[in-house]
PDB file of all heavy atoms in Angstrom:
ATOM      1  N   MET A   1      -3.015  14.147   6.080  1.00  0.00           N
ATOM      2  CA  MET A   1      -3.451  14.313   4.688  1.00  0.00           C
ATOM      3  C   MET A   1      -2.393  13.775   3.723  1.00  0.00           C
ATOM      4  O   MET A   1      -2.733  13.142   2.724  1.00  0.00           O
ATOM      5  CB  MET A   1      -3.727  15.790   4.384  1.00  0.00           C
ATOM      6  CG  MET A   1      -4.920  16.349   5.129  1.00  0.00           C
ATOM      7  SD  MET A   1      -6.467  15.689   4.545  1.00  0.00           S
ATOM      8  CE  MET A   1      -6.604  16.523   2.993  1.00  0.00           C
ATOM      9  N   SER A   2      -1.133  14.011   4.008  1.00  0.00           N
ATOM     10  CA  SER A   2      -0.052  13.505   3.153  1.00  0.00           C
ATOM     11  C   SER A   2      -0.020  11.983   3.173  1.00  0.00           C
ATOM     12  O   SER A   2       0.152  11.344   2.133  1.00  0.00           O
ATOM     13  CB  SER A   2       1.300  14.043   3.617  1.00  0.00           C
ATOM     14  OG  SER A   2       1.341  15.440   3.488  1.00  0.00           O
ATOM     15  N   VAL A   3      -0.208  11.398   4.351  1.00  0.00           N
ATOM     16  CA  VAL A   3      -0.230   9.938   4.458  1.00  0.00           C
ATOM     17  C   VAL A   3      -1.423   9.375   3.707  1.00  0.00           C
ATOM     18  O   VAL A   3      -1.328   8.349   3.041  1.00  0.00           O
ATOM     19  CB  VAL A   3      -0.241   9.490   5.943  1.00  0.00           C
ATOM     20  CG1 VAL A   3      -0.604   8.024   6.080  1.00  0.00           C
ATOM     21  CG2 VAL A   3       1.111   9.747   6.571  1.00  0.00           C
ATOM     22  N   SER A   4      -2.551  10.068   3.798  1.00  0.00           N
ATOM     23  CA  SER A   4      -3.746   9.625   3.093  1.00  0.00           C
ATOM     24  C   SER A   4      -3.497   9.568   1.583  1.00  0.00           C
ATOM     25  O   SER A   4      -3.867   8.590   0.922  1.00  0.00           O
ATOM     26  CB  SER A   4      -4.917  10.564   3.397  1.00  0.00           C
ATOM     27  OG  SER A   4      -6.074  10.171   2.702  1.00  0.00           O
ATOM     28  N   LYS A   5      -2.839  10.582   1.045  1.00  0.00           N
ATOM     29  CA  LYS A   5      -2.518  10.601  -0.386  1.00  0.00           C
ATOM     30  C   LYS A   5      -1.555   9.469  -0.749  1.00  0.00           C
ATOM     31  O   LYS A   5      -1.704   8.813  -1.780  1.00  0.00           O
ATOM     32  CB  LYS A   5      -1.910  11.944  -0.774  1.00  0.00           C
ATOM     33  CG  LYS A   5      -2.906  13.075  -0.782  1.00  0.00           C
ATOM     34  CD  LYS A   5      -2.236  14.389  -1.135  1.00  0.00           C
ATOM     35  CE  LYS A   5      -3.199  15.542  -1.026  1.00  0.00           C
ATOM     36  NZ  LYS A   5      -2.551  16.833  -1.292  1.00  0.00           N
ATOM     37  N   ALA A   6      -0.564   9.239   0.113  1.00  0.00           N
ATOM     38  CA  ALA A   6       0.402   8.174  -0.140  1.00  0.00           C
ATOM     39  C   ALA A   6      -0.286   6.810  -0.117  1.00  0.00           C
ATOM     40  O   ALA A   6      -0.021   5.950  -0.962  1.00  0.00           O
ATOM     41  CB  ALA A   6       1.524   8.226   0.897  1.00  0.00           C
ATOM     42  N   LEU A   7      -1.189   6.615   0.845  1.00  0.00           N
ATOM     43  CA  LEU A   7      -1.909   5.342   0.940  1.00  0.00           C
ATOM     44  C   LEU A   7      -2.837   5.140  -0.257  1.00  0.00           C
ATOM     45  O   LEU A   7      -2.990   4.022  -0.747  1.00  0.00           O
ATOM     46  CB  LEU A   7      -2.698   5.272   2.248  1.00  0.00           C
ATOM     47  CG  LEU A   7      -1.853   5.077   3.505  1.00  0.00           C
ATOM     48  CD1 LEU A   7      -2.704   5.262   4.750  1.00  0.00           C
ATOM     49  CD2 LEU A   7      -1.181   3.715   3.506  1.00  0.00           C
ATOM     50  N   LYS A   8      -3.441   6.202  -0.737  1.00  0.00           N
ATOM     51  CA  LYS A   8      -4.289   6.097  -1.933  1.00  0.00           C
ATOM     52  C   LYS A   8      -3.446   5.692  -3.138  1.00  0.00           C
ATOM     53  O   LYS A   8      -3.893   4.917  -3.986  1.00  0.00           O
ATOM     54  CB  LYS A   8      -5.022   7.416  -2.216  1.00  0.00           C
ATOM     55  CG  LYS A   8      -6.115   7.728  -1.222  1.00  0.00           C
ATOM     56  CD  LYS A   8      -7.231   6.735  -1.325  1.00  0.00           C
ATOM     57  CE  LYS A   8      -8.325   7.052  -0.335  1.00  0.00           C
ATOM     58  NZ  LYS A   8      -9.336   6.018  -0.261  1.00  0.00           N
ATOM     59  N   HIS A   9      -2.238   6.210  -3.219  1.00  0.00           N
ATOM     60  CA  HIS A   9      -1.314   5.826  -4.296  1.00  0.00           C
ATOM     61  C   HIS A   9      -1.003   4.325  -4.210  1.00  0.00           C
ATOM     62  O   HIS A   9      -1.064   3.615  -5.216  1.00  0.00           O
ATOM     63  CB  HIS A   9      -0.032   6.648  -4.209  1.00  0.00           C
ATOM     64  CG  HIS A   9       0.981   6.301  -5.249  1.00  0.00           C
ATOM     65  ND1 HIS A   9       0.988   6.898  -6.495  1.00  0.00           N
ATOM     66  CD2 HIS A   9       2.005   5.409  -5.248  1.00  0.00           C
ATOM     67  CE1 HIS A   9       1.984   6.379  -7.206  1.00  0.00           C
ATOM     68  NE2 HIS A   9       2.615   5.479  -6.462  1.00  0.00           N
ATOM     69  N   LEU A  10      -0.687   3.868  -3.003  1.00  0.00           N
ATOM     70  CA  LEU A  10      -0.374   2.448  -2.798  1.00  0.00           C
ATOM     71  C   LEU A  10      -1.598   1.570  -3.042  1.00  0.00           C
ATOM     72  O   LEU A  10      -1.479   0.466  -3.577  1.00  0.00           O
ATOM     73  CB  LEU A  10       0.168   2.227  -1.387  1.00  0.00           C
ATOM     74  CG  LEU A  10       1.504   2.901  -1.076  1.00  0.00           C
ATOM     75  CD1 LEU A  10       1.841   2.756   0.400  1.00  0.00           C
ATOM     76  CD2 LEU A  10       2.610   2.342  -1.947  1.00  0.00           C
ATOM     77  N   GLU A  11      -2.763   2.079  -2.676  1.00  0.00           N
ATOM     78  CA  GLU A  11      -4.000   1.334  -2.921  1.00  0.00           C
ATOM     79  C   GLU A  11      -4.262   1.218  -4.421  1.00  0.00           C
ATOM     80  O   GLU A  11      -4.680   0.167  -4.910  1.00  0.00           O
ATOM     81  CB  GLU A  11      -5.172   2.025  -2.221  1.00  0.00           C
ATOM     82  CG  GLU A  11      -6.464   1.241  -2.251  1.00  0.00           C
ATOM     83  CD  GLU A  11      -7.570   1.930  -1.481  1.00  0.00           C
ATOM     84  OE1 GLU A  11      -7.723   3.170  -1.599  1.00  0.00           O
ATOM     85  OE2 GLU A  11      -8.299   1.230  -0.774  1.00  0.00           O
ATOM     86  N   GLY A  12      -3.978   2.280  -5.151  1.00  0.00           N
ATOM     87  CA  GLY A  12      -4.117   2.259  -6.604  1.00  0.00           C
ATOM     88  C   GLY A  12      -3.178   1.263  -7.273  1.00  0.00           C
ATOM     89  O   GLY A  12      -3.503   0.688  -8.311  1.00  0.00           O
ATOM     90  N   GLU A  13      -2.021   1.051  -6.661  1.00  0.00           N
ATOM     91  CA  GLU A  13      -1.055   0.067  -7.166  1.00  0.00           C
ATOM     92  C   GLU A  13      -1.452  -1.355  -6.774  1.00  0.00           C
ATOM     93  O   GLU A  13      -0.831  -2.318  -7.216  1.00  0.00           O
ATOM     94  CB  GLU A  13       0.345   0.360  -6.614  1.00  0.00           C
ATOM     95  CG  GLU A  13       0.956   1.665  -7.076  1.00  0.00           C
ATOM     96  CD  GLU A  13       1.561   1.574  -8.454  1.00  0.00           C
ATOM     97  OE1 GLU A  13       1.865   0.462  -8.909  1.00  0.00           O
ATOM     98  OE2 GLU A  13       1.724   2.627  -9.089  1.00  0.00           O
ATOM     99  N   GLY A  14      -2.468  -1.478  -5.907  1.00  0.00           N
ATOM    100  CA  GLY A  14      -2.911  -2.799  -5.449  1.00  0.00           C
ATOM    101  C   GLY A  14      -2.033  -3.383  -4.354  1.00  0.00           C
ATOM    102  O   GLY A  14      -2.048  -4.588  -4.122  1.00  0.00           O
ATOM    103  N   LEU A  15      -1.277  -2.520  -3.666  1.00  0.00           N
ATOM    104  CA  LEU A  15      -0.342  -2.996  -2.651  1.00  0.00           C
ATOM    105  C   LEU A  15      -0.930  -3.021  -1.252  1.00  0.00           C
ATOM    106  O   LEU A  15      -0.462  -3.771  -0.396  1.00  0.00           O
ATOM    107  CB  LEU A  15       0.920  -2.133  -2.662  1.00  0.00           C
ATOM    108  CG  LEU A  15       1.683  -2.109  -3.982  1.00  0.00           C
ATOM    109  CD1 LEU A  15       2.807  -1.097  -3.929  1.00  0.00           C
ATOM    110  CD2 LEU A  15       2.221  -3.494  -4.294  1.00  0.00           C
ATOM    111  N   VAL A  16      -1.930  -2.165  -0.989  1.00  0.00           N
ATOM    112  CA  VAL A  16      -2.554  -2.115   0.332  1.00  0.00           C
ATOM    113  C   VAL A  16      -4.072  -2.074   0.189  1.00  0.00           C
ATOM    114  O   VAL A  16      -4.596  -1.683  -0.857  1.00  0.00           O
ATOM    115  CB  VAL A  16      -2.093  -0.886   1.166  1.00  0.00           C
ATOM    116  CG1 VAL A  16      -0.601  -0.887   1.384  1.00  0.00           C
ATOM    117  CG2 VAL A  16      -2.538   0.416   0.545  1.00  0.00           C
ATOM    118  N   GLU A  17      -4.737  -2.479   1.248  1.00  0.00           N
ATOM    119  CA  GLU A  17      -6.182  -2.334   1.368  1.00  0.00           C
ATOM    120  C   GLU A  17      -6.429  -1.557   2.646  1.00  0.00           C
ATOM    121  O   GLU A  17      -5.892  -1.904   3.700  1.00  0.00           O
ATOM    122  CB  GLU A  17      -6.863  -3.699   1.434  1.00  0.00           C
ATOM    123  CG  GLU A  17      -6.693  -4.519   0.168  1.00  0.00           C
ATOM    124  CD  GLU A  17      -7.191  -5.945   0.313  1.00  0.00           C
ATOM    125  OE1 GLU A  17      -7.669  -6.332   1.412  1.00  0.00           O
ATOM    126  OE2 GLU A  17      -7.086  -6.683  -0.672  1.00  0.00           O
ATOM    127  N   LEU A  18      -7.216  -0.483   2.548  1.00  0.00           N
ATOM    128  CA  LEU A  18      -7.459   0.378   3.693  1.00  0.00           C
ATOM    129  C   LEU A  18      -8.743  -0.012   4.402  1.00  0.00           C
ATOM    130  O   LEU A  18      -9.737  -0.330   3.762  1.00  0.00           O
ATOM    131  CB  LEU A  18      -7.537   1.836   3.237  1.00  0.00           C
ATOM    132  CG  LEU A  18      -6.330   2.350   2.443  1.00  0.00           C
ATOM    133  CD1 LEU A  18      -6.574   3.774   1.989  1.00  0.00           C
ATOM    134  CD2 LEU A  18      -5.074   2.246   3.265  1.00  0.00           C
ATOM    135  N   GLY A  19      -8.697   0.025   5.722  1.00  0.00           N
ATOM    136  CA  GLY A  19      -9.870  -0.261   6.526  1.00  0.00           C
ATOM    137  C   GLY A  19      -9.920   0.691   7.707  1.00  0.00           C
ATOM    138  O   GLY A  19      -9.011   1.505   7.910  1.00  0.00           O
ATOM    139  N   TYR A  20     -10.951   0.589   8.509  1.00  0.00           N
ATOM    140  CA  TYR A  20     -11.095   1.462   9.667  1.00  0.00           C
ATOM    141  C   TYR A  20     -10.188   0.961  10.787  1.00  0.00           C
ATOM    142  O   TYR A  20     -10.435  -0.084  11.383  1.00  0.00           O
ATOM    143  CB  TYR A  20     -12.555   1.488  10.137  1.00  0.00           C
ATOM    144  CG  TYR A  20     -12.801   2.492  11.230  1.00  0.00           C
ATOM    145  CD1 TYR A  20     -12.923   3.841  10.936  1.00  0.00           C
ATOM    146  CD2 TYR A  20     -12.879   2.090  12.553  1.00  0.00           C
ATOM    147  CE1 TYR A  20     -13.125   4.769  11.931  1.00  0.00           C
ATOM    148  CE2 TYR A  20     -13.090   3.005  13.559  1.00  0.00           C
ATOM    149  CZ  TYR A  20     -13.211   4.345  13.243  1.00  0.00           C
ATOM    150  OH  TYR A  20     -13.408   5.267  14.238  1.00  0.00           O
ATOM    151  N   GLY A  21      -9.108   1.694  11.056  1.00  0.00           N
ATOM    152  CA  GLY A  21      -8.183   1.338  12.122  1.00  0.00           C
ATOM    153  C   GLY A  21      -7.152   0.294  11.744  1.00  0.00           C
ATOM    154  O   GLY A  21      -6.424  -0.204  12.601  1.00  0.00           O
ATOM    155  N   TYR A  22      -7.082  -0.044  10.473  1.00  0.00           N
ATOM    156  CA  TYR A  22      -6.077  -1.018  10.043  1.00  0.00           C
ATOM    157  C   TYR A  22      -5.718  -0.794   8.584  1.00  0.00           C
ATOM    158  O   TYR A  22      -6.448  -0.167   7.829  1.00  0.00           O
ATOM    159  CB  TYR A  22      -6.555  -2.457  10.242  1.00  0.00           C
ATOM    160  CG  TYR A  22      -7.661  -2.881   9.305  1.00  0.00           C
ATOM    161  CD1 TYR A  22      -7.379  -3.448   8.070  1.00  0.00           C
ATOM    162  CD2 TYR A  22      -8.999  -2.706   9.648  1.00  0.00           C
ATOM    163  CE1 TYR A  22      -8.389  -3.826   7.199  1.00  0.00           C
ATOM    164  CE2 TYR A  22     -10.013  -3.076   8.788  1.00  0.00           C
ATOM    165  CZ  TYR A  22      -9.703  -3.641   7.567  1.00  0.00           C
ATOM    166  OH  TYR A  22     -10.722  -4.002   6.701  1.00  0.00           O
ATOM    167  N   ILE A  23      -4.574  -1.340   8.210  1.00  0.00           N
ATOM    168  CA  ILE A  23      -4.119  -1.358   6.817  1.00  0.00           C
ATOM    169  C   ILE A  23      -3.705  -2.792   6.534  1.00  0.00           C
ATOM    170  O   ILE A  23      -2.972  -3.400   7.311  1.00  0.00           O
ATOM    171  CB  ILE A  23      -2.942  -0.392   6.588  1.00  0.00           C
ATOM    172  CG1 ILE A  23      -3.392   1.039   6.903  1.00  0.00           C
ATOM    173  CG2 ILE A  23      -2.427  -0.497   5.155  1.00  0.00           C
ATOM    174  CD1 ILE A  23      -2.267   2.040   6.947  1.00  0.00           C
ATOM    175  N   ARG A  24      -4.175  -3.325   5.437  1.00  0.00           N
ATOM    176  CA  ARG A  24      -3.901  -4.727   5.103  1.00  0.00           C
ATOM    177  C   ARG A  24      -2.954  -4.794   3.911  1.00  0.00           C
ATOM    178  O   ARG A  24      -3.133  -4.079   2.925  1.00  0.00           O
ATOM    179  CB  ARG A  24      -5.208  -5.435   4.769  1.00  0.00           C
ATOM    180  CG  ARG A  24      -5.050  -6.913   4.506  1.00  0.00           C
ATOM    181  CD  ARG A  24      -6.433  -7.584   4.454  1.00  0.00           C
ATOM    182  NE  ARG A  24      -6.292  -9.016   4.346  1.00  0.00           N
ATOM    183  CZ  ARG A  24      -6.195  -9.670   3.198  1.00  0.00           C
ATOM    184  NH1 ARG A  24      -6.224  -9.015   2.057  1.00  0.00           N
ATOM    185  NH2 ARG A  24      -6.060 -10.968   3.189  1.00  0.00           N
ATOM    186  N   LEU A  25      -1.958  -5.642   4.036  1.00  0.00           N
ATOM    187  CA  LEU A  25      -1.047  -5.931   2.929  1.00  0.00           C
ATOM    188  C   LEU A  25      -1.444  -7.300   2.384  1.00  0.00           C
ATOM    189  O   LEU A  25      -1.118  -8.321   2.986  1.00  0.00           O
ATOM    190  CB  LEU A  25       0.412  -5.963   3.399  1.00  0.00           C
ATOM    191  CG  LEU A  25       0.974  -4.701   4.051  1.00  0.00           C
ATOM    192  CD1 LEU A  25       2.396  -4.937   4.509  1.00  0.00           C
ATOM    193  CD2 LEU A  25       0.912  -3.537   3.103  1.00  0.00           C
ATOM    194  N   PRO A  26      -2.165  -7.344   1.261  1.00  0.00           N
ATOM    195  CA  PRO A  26      -2.618  -8.636   0.737  1.00  0.00           C
ATOM    196  C   PRO A  26      -1.472  -9.527   0.254  1.00  0.00           C
ATOM    197  O   PRO A  26      -1.583 -10.743   0.285  1.00  0.00           O
ATOM    198  CB  PRO A  26      -3.558  -8.270  -0.401  1.00  0.00           C
ATOM    199  CG  PRO A  26      -3.321  -6.844  -0.706  1.00  0.00           C
ATOM    200  CD  PRO A  26      -2.649  -6.223   0.471  1.00  0.00           C
ATOM    201  N   ALA A  27      -0.372  -8.909  -0.179  1.00  0.00           N
ATOM    202  CA  ALA A  27       0.783  -9.683  -0.657  1.00  0.00           C
ATOM    203  C   ALA A  27       2.065  -8.938  -0.278  1.00  0.00           C
ATOM    204  O   ALA A  27       2.624  -8.188  -1.086  1.00  0.00           O
ATOM    205  CB  ALA A  27       0.700  -9.881  -2.163  1.00  0.00           C
ATOM    206  N   PRO A  28       2.543  -9.114   0.962  1.00  0.00           N
ATOM    207  CA  PRO A  28       3.755  -8.405   1.395  1.00  0.00           C
ATOM    208  C   PRO A  28       4.970  -8.642   0.492  1.00  0.00           C
ATOM    209  O   PRO A  28       5.771  -7.733   0.287  1.00  0.00           O
ATOM    210  CB  PRO A  28       4.000  -8.948   2.800  1.00  0.00           C
ATOM    211  CG  PRO A  28       2.659  -9.387   3.274  1.00  0.00           C
ATOM    212  CD  PRO A  28       1.956  -9.892   2.042  1.00  0.00           C
ATOM    213  N   ALA A  29       5.097  -9.826  -0.074  1.00  0.00           N
ATOM    214  CA  ALA A  29       6.227 -10.097  -0.977  1.00  0.00           C
ATOM    215  C   ALA A  29       6.154  -9.203  -2.215  1.00  0.00           C
ATOM    216  O   ALA A  29       7.182  -8.758  -2.735  1.00  0.00           O
ATOM    217  CB  ALA A  29       6.237 -11.563  -1.377  1.00  0.00           C
ATOM    218  N   ARG A  30       4.945  -8.919  -2.669  1.00  0.00           N
ATOM    219  CA  ARG A  30       4.773  -8.024  -3.820  1.00  0.00           C
ATOM    220  C   ARG A  30       5.177  -6.596  -3.457  1.00  0.00           C
ATOM    221  O   ARG A  30       5.760  -5.890  -4.283  1.00  0.00           O
ATOM    222  CB  ARG A  30       3.312  -8.062  -4.284  1.00  0.00           C
ATOM    223  CG  ARG A  30       3.073  -7.277  -5.534  1.00  0.00           C
ATOM    224  CD  ARG A  30       1.701  -7.568  -6.137  1.00  0.00           C
ATOM    225  NE  ARG A  30       1.492  -6.668  -7.237  1.00  0.00           N
ATOM    226  CZ  ARG A  30       0.593  -5.689  -7.252  1.00  0.00           C
ATOM    227  NH1 ARG A  30      -0.226  -5.536  -6.235  1.00  0.00           N
ATOM    228  NH2 ARG A  30       0.482  -4.894  -8.285  1.00  0.00           N
ATOM    229  N   VAL A  31       4.875  -6.181  -2.216  1.00  0.00           N
ATOM    230  CA  VAL A  31       5.281  -4.851  -1.750  1.00  0.00           C
ATOM    231  C   VAL A  31       6.805  -4.770  -1.735  1.00  0.00           C
ATOM    232  O   VAL A  31       7.386  -3.775  -2.177  1.00  0.00           O
ATOM    233  CB  VAL A  31       4.700  -4.551  -0.343  1.00  0.00           C
ATOM    234  CG1 VAL A  31       5.207  -3.216   0.176  1.00  0.00           C
ATOM    235  CG2 VAL A  31       3.173  -4.561  -0.370  1.00  0.00           C
ATOM    236  N   SER A  32       7.450  -5.822  -1.259  1.00  0.00           N
ATOM    237  CA  SER A  32       8.907  -5.863  -1.225  1.00  0.00           C
ATOM    238  C   SER A  32       9.502  -5.763  -2.628  1.00  0.00           C
ATOM    239  O   SER A  32      10.443  -4.998  -2.871  1.00  0.00           O
ATOM    240  CB  SER A  32       9.356  -7.154  -0.545  1.00  0.00           C
ATOM    241  OG  SER A  32      10.747  -7.211  -0.470  1.00  0.00           O
ATOM    242  N   ALA A  33       8.940  -6.501  -3.560  1.00  0.00           N
ATOM    243  CA  ALA A  33       9.411  -6.449  -4.950  1.00  0.00           C
ATOM    244  C   ALA A  33       9.181  -5.065  -5.555  1.00  0.00           C
ATOM    245  O   ALA A  33      10.033  -4.536  -6.281  1.00  0.00           O
ATOM    246  CB  ALA A  33       8.703  -7.515  -5.781  1.00  0.00           C
ATOM    247  N   TRP A  34       8.036  -4.453  -5.239  1.00  0.00           N
ATOM    248  CA  TRP A  34       7.717  -3.119  -5.751  1.00  0.00           C
ATOM    249  C   TRP A  34       8.713  -2.110  -5.201  1.00  0.00           C
ATOM    250  O   TRP A  34       9.181  -1.231  -5.934  1.00  0.00           O
ATOM    251  CB  TRP A  34       6.275  -2.769  -5.376  1.00  0.00           C
ATOM    252  CG  TRP A  34       5.847  -1.410  -5.829  1.00  0.00           C
ATOM    253  CD1 TRP A  34       5.405  -1.054  -7.064  1.00  0.00           C
ATOM    254  CD2 TRP A  34       5.830  -0.207  -5.036  1.00  0.00           C
ATOM    255  NE1 TRP A  34       5.105   0.286  -7.093  1.00  0.00           N
ATOM    256  CE2 TRP A  34       5.358   0.820  -5.856  1.00  0.00           C
ATOM    257  CE3 TRP A  34       6.152   0.075  -3.724  1.00  0.00           C
ATOM    258  CZ2 TRP A  34       5.209   2.120  -5.401  1.00  0.00           C
ATOM    259  CZ3 TRP A  34       6.002   1.374  -3.275  1.00  0.00           C
ATOM    260  CH2 TRP A  34       5.540   2.374  -4.108  1.00  0.00           C
ATOM    261  N   LEU A  35       9.042  -2.215  -3.897  1.00  0.00           N
ATOM    262  CA  LEU A  35      10.014  -1.296  -3.303  1.00  0.00           C
ATOM    263  C   LEU A  35      11.378  -1.426  -3.973  1.00  0.00           C
ATOM    264  O   LEU A  35      12.047  -0.426  -4.214  1.00  0.00           O
ATOM    265  CB  LEU A  35      10.135  -1.560  -1.799  1.00  0.00           C
ATOM    266  CG  LEU A  35       9.038  -0.966  -0.938  1.00  0.00           C
ATOM    267  CD1 LEU A  35       9.101  -1.525   0.471  1.00  0.00           C
ATOM    268  CD2 LEU A  35       9.122   0.549  -0.921  1.00  0.00           C
ATOM    269  N   THR A  36      11.765  -2.640  -4.282  1.00  0.00           N
ATOM    270  CA  THR A  36      13.037  -2.869  -4.979  1.00  0.00           C
ATOM    271  C   THR A  36      13.028  -2.199  -6.354  1.00  0.00           C
ATOM    272  O   THR A  36      14.001  -1.556  -6.749  1.00  0.00           O
ATOM    273  CB  THR A  36      13.309  -4.378  -5.118  1.00  0.00           C
ATOM    274  OG1 THR A  36      13.337  -4.960  -3.814  1.00  0.00           O
ATOM    275  CG2 THR A  36      14.632  -4.629  -5.814  1.00  0.00           C
ATOM    276  N   SER A  37      11.914  -2.318  -7.055  1.00  0.00           N
ATOM    277  CA  SER A  37      11.806  -1.697  -8.380  1.00  0.00           C
ATOM    278  C   SER A  37      11.779  -0.163  -8.294  1.00  0.00           C
ATOM    279  O   SER A  37      12.157   0.517  -9.238  1.00  0.00           O
ATOM    280  CB  SER A  37      10.577  -2.206  -9.129  1.00  0.00           C
ATOM    281  OG  SER A  37       9.394  -1.660  -8.578  1.00  0.00           O
ATOM    282  N   GLU A  38      11.344   0.366  -7.131  1.00  0.00           N
ATOM    283  CA  GLU A  38      11.301   1.822  -6.930  1.00  0.00           C
ATOM    284  C   GLU A  38      12.653   2.359  -6.454  1.00  0.00           C
ATOM    285  O   GLU A  38      12.811   3.561  -6.289  1.00  0.00           O
ATOM    286  CB  GLU A  38      10.230   2.180  -5.891  1.00  0.00           C
ATOM    287  CG  GLU A  38       8.807   1.996  -6.382  1.00  0.00           C
ATOM    288  CD  GLU A  38       8.407   3.037  -7.409  1.00  0.00           C
ATOM    289  OE1 GLU A  38       8.638   4.238  -7.179  1.00  0.00           O
ATOM    290  OE2 GLU A  38       7.876   2.643  -8.452  1.00  0.00           O
TER     291      GLU A  38
END
């Protein structure tokens, strides 16, 4: 449940796309930049 909430947060930021049995990073470089800003 905690991971689900965290993934919804990341999905809201546009960093991940959730699917059945997978998680997609549409722009990994953007995730890296976001982590740096965090």
